[in-house]
């Protein structure tokens, strides 16, 4: 997500914020981008991964639309405790974790159980 008033022709790193916690993208806070500018930060992704992938929890409402892939989903997902409209599906959690885990730019690892 982008901050209101962002110049779309000159988007800066700090213009990008996590859809799930609204924290700015920084060198210390990695982000993964979904469709149409949606983003999840490494901290929220780690929480979602631990909840859904490792603990098999489901905090998402039934029939939710994933903030990252924009698909209506029936599988497990993680809903932001701070922003109810931000929900990510298990598939996007796993894909995003794979992207950050493999990135040479960030020292981010998939959480382990």
Protein backbone atom coordinates (compact mmCIF):
# COMPACT_ATOMS: atom_id res chain seq x y z
CA UNK A 1 0.00 0.00 0.00
CA UNK A 2 1.14 3.53 -0.53
CA UNK A 3 0.79 6.52 1.72
CA UNK A 4 -1.92 8.97 0.69
CA UNK A 5 -0.50 11.66 -1.56
CA UNK A 6 2.32 9.50 -2.94
CA UNK A 7 3.61 10.72 -6.31
CA UNK A 8 3.12 7.57 -8.42
CA UNK A 9 5.77 8.84 -10.85
CA UNK A 10 8.34 9.14 -8.06
CA UNK A 11 7.57 6.51 -5.40
CA UNK A 12 10.12 6.49 -2.58
CA UNK A 13 10.85 3.58 -0.25
CA UNK A 14 9.18 5.38 2.68
CA UNK A 15 6.02 5.90 0.58
CA UNK A 16 5.40 2.15 0.74
CA UNK A 17 3.75 0.83 3.91
CA UNK A 18 2.71 -2.63 5.03
CA UNK A 19 -1.00 -3.28 4.52
CA UNK A 20 -1.05 -5.24 7.78
CA UNK A 21 0.71 -2.91 10.26
CA UNK A 22 1.18 0.35 8.27
CA UNK A 23 4.94 0.43 8.97
CA UNK A 24 7.16 2.08 6.36
CA UNK A 25 9.47 0.09 4.13
CA UNK A 26 13.08 0.61 5.25
CA UNK A 27 16.40 -1.16 4.74
CA UNK A 28 15.76 -2.90 8.08
CA UNK A 29 12.12 -3.79 7.33
CA UNK A 30 11.84 -5.93 4.19
CA UNK A 31 8.62 -6.00 2.19
CA UNK A 32 7.05 -8.35 -0.32
CA UNK A 33 4.72 -6.86 -2.89
CA UNK A 34 1.49 -8.48 -4.00
CA UNK A 35 -0.95 -7.36 -6.67
CA UNK A 36 -1.78 -3.69 -7.23
CA UNK A 37 0.79 -2.39 -4.76
CA UNK A 38 -0.27 -4.43 -1.75
CA UNK A 39 2.60 -5.26 0.61
CA UNK A 40 3.43 -7.30 3.68
CA UNK A 41 6.48 -6.58 5.83
CA UNK A 42 8.85 -9.21 7.15
CA UNK A 43 7.59 -8.84 10.72
CA UNK A 44 3.93 -9.37 9.77
CA UNK A 45 4.93 -12.17 7.41
CA UNK A 46 6.81 -13.96 10.20
CA UNK A 47 3.76 -13.68 12.46
CA UNK A 48 1.45 -14.94 9.71
CA UNK A 49 3.82 -17.80 8.87
CA UNK A 50 4.06 -18.93 12.48
CA UNK A 51 0.29 -18.73 12.91
CA UNK A 52 -0.93 -20.33 9.69
CA UNK A 53 1.90 -22.54 8.44
CA UNK A 54 3.52 -23.72 11.66
CA UNK A 55 0.55 -23.71 14.06
CA UNK A 56 -2.22 -24.40 11.52
CA UNK A 57 -4.28 -21.51 12.94
CA UNK A 58 -6.85 -19.65 10.89
CA UNK A 59 -7.74 -16.11 11.90
CA UNK A 60 -9.24 -15.19 8.52
CA UNK A 61 -12.97 -14.75 8.06
CA UNK A 62 -14.79 -17.32 5.90
CA UNK A 63 -14.61 -16.57 2.19
CA UNK A 64 -12.08 -13.73 2.61
CA UNK A 65 -10.31 -11.94 -0.23
CA UNK A 66 -6.53 -12.09 0.11
CA UNK A 67 -4.93 -8.66 0.23
CA UNK A 68 -1.88 -9.89 -1.73
CA UNK A 69 -3.32 -12.07 -4.52
CA UNK A 70 -6.80 -10.46 -4.57
CA UNK A 71 -8.48 -13.87 -4.80
CA UNK A 72 -11.43 -14.96 -2.74
CA UNK A 73 -10.16 -17.85 -0.64
CA UNK A 74 -11.68 -20.67 1.40
CA UNK A 75 -8.41 -21.91 2.89
CA UNK A 76 -6.70 -20.77 6.06
CA UNK A 77 -5.35 -17.25 6.33
CA UNK A 78 -4.10 -14.61 8.73
CA UNK A 79 -6.03 -11.45 9.49
CA UNK A 80 -4.15 -8.42 10.77
CA UNK A 81 -5.05 -7.75 14.38
CA UNK A 82 -4.64 -4.02 13.71
CA UNK A 83 -6.46 -3.68 10.36
CA UNK A 84 -9.39 -6.07 9.81
CA UNK A 85 -9.45 -5.50 6.05
CA UNK A 86 -5.91 -6.90 5.65
CA UNK A 87 -5.98 -10.69 5.28
CA UNK A 88 -3.42 -12.97 3.64
CA UNK A 89 -3.99 -16.53 2.42
CA UNK A 90 -1.79 -19.54 3.23
CA UNK A 91 -0.53 -19.72 -0.36
CA UNK A 92 0.64 -16.08 -0.36
CA UNK A 93 2.20 -16.51 3.09
CA UNK A 94 4.27 -19.45 1.84
CA UNK A 95 5.21 -17.77 -1.46
CA UNK A 96 6.17 -14.50 0.23
CA UNK A 97 8.22 -16.32 2.86
CA UNK A 98 10.07 -18.13 0.08
CA UNK A 99 10.83 -14.85 -1.68
CA UNK A 100 12.21 -13.13 1.44
CA UNK A 101 14.06 -16.24 2.61
CA UNK A 102 15.94 -16.46 -0.71
CA UNK A 103 16.65 -12.72 -0.98
CA UNK A 104 20.28 -11.66 -0.76
CA UNK A 105 19.19 -8.12 0.19
CA UNK A 106 17.67 -9.04 3.53
CA UNK A 107 18.68 -11.26 6.41
CA UNK A 108 15.22 -12.80 6.79
CA UNK A 109 14.56 -16.47 7.44
CA UNK A 110 11.39 -18.49 7.60
CA UNK A 111 10.36 -19.02 11.22
CA UNK A 112 10.85 -22.54 12.51
CA UNK A 113 8.62 -24.41 14.91
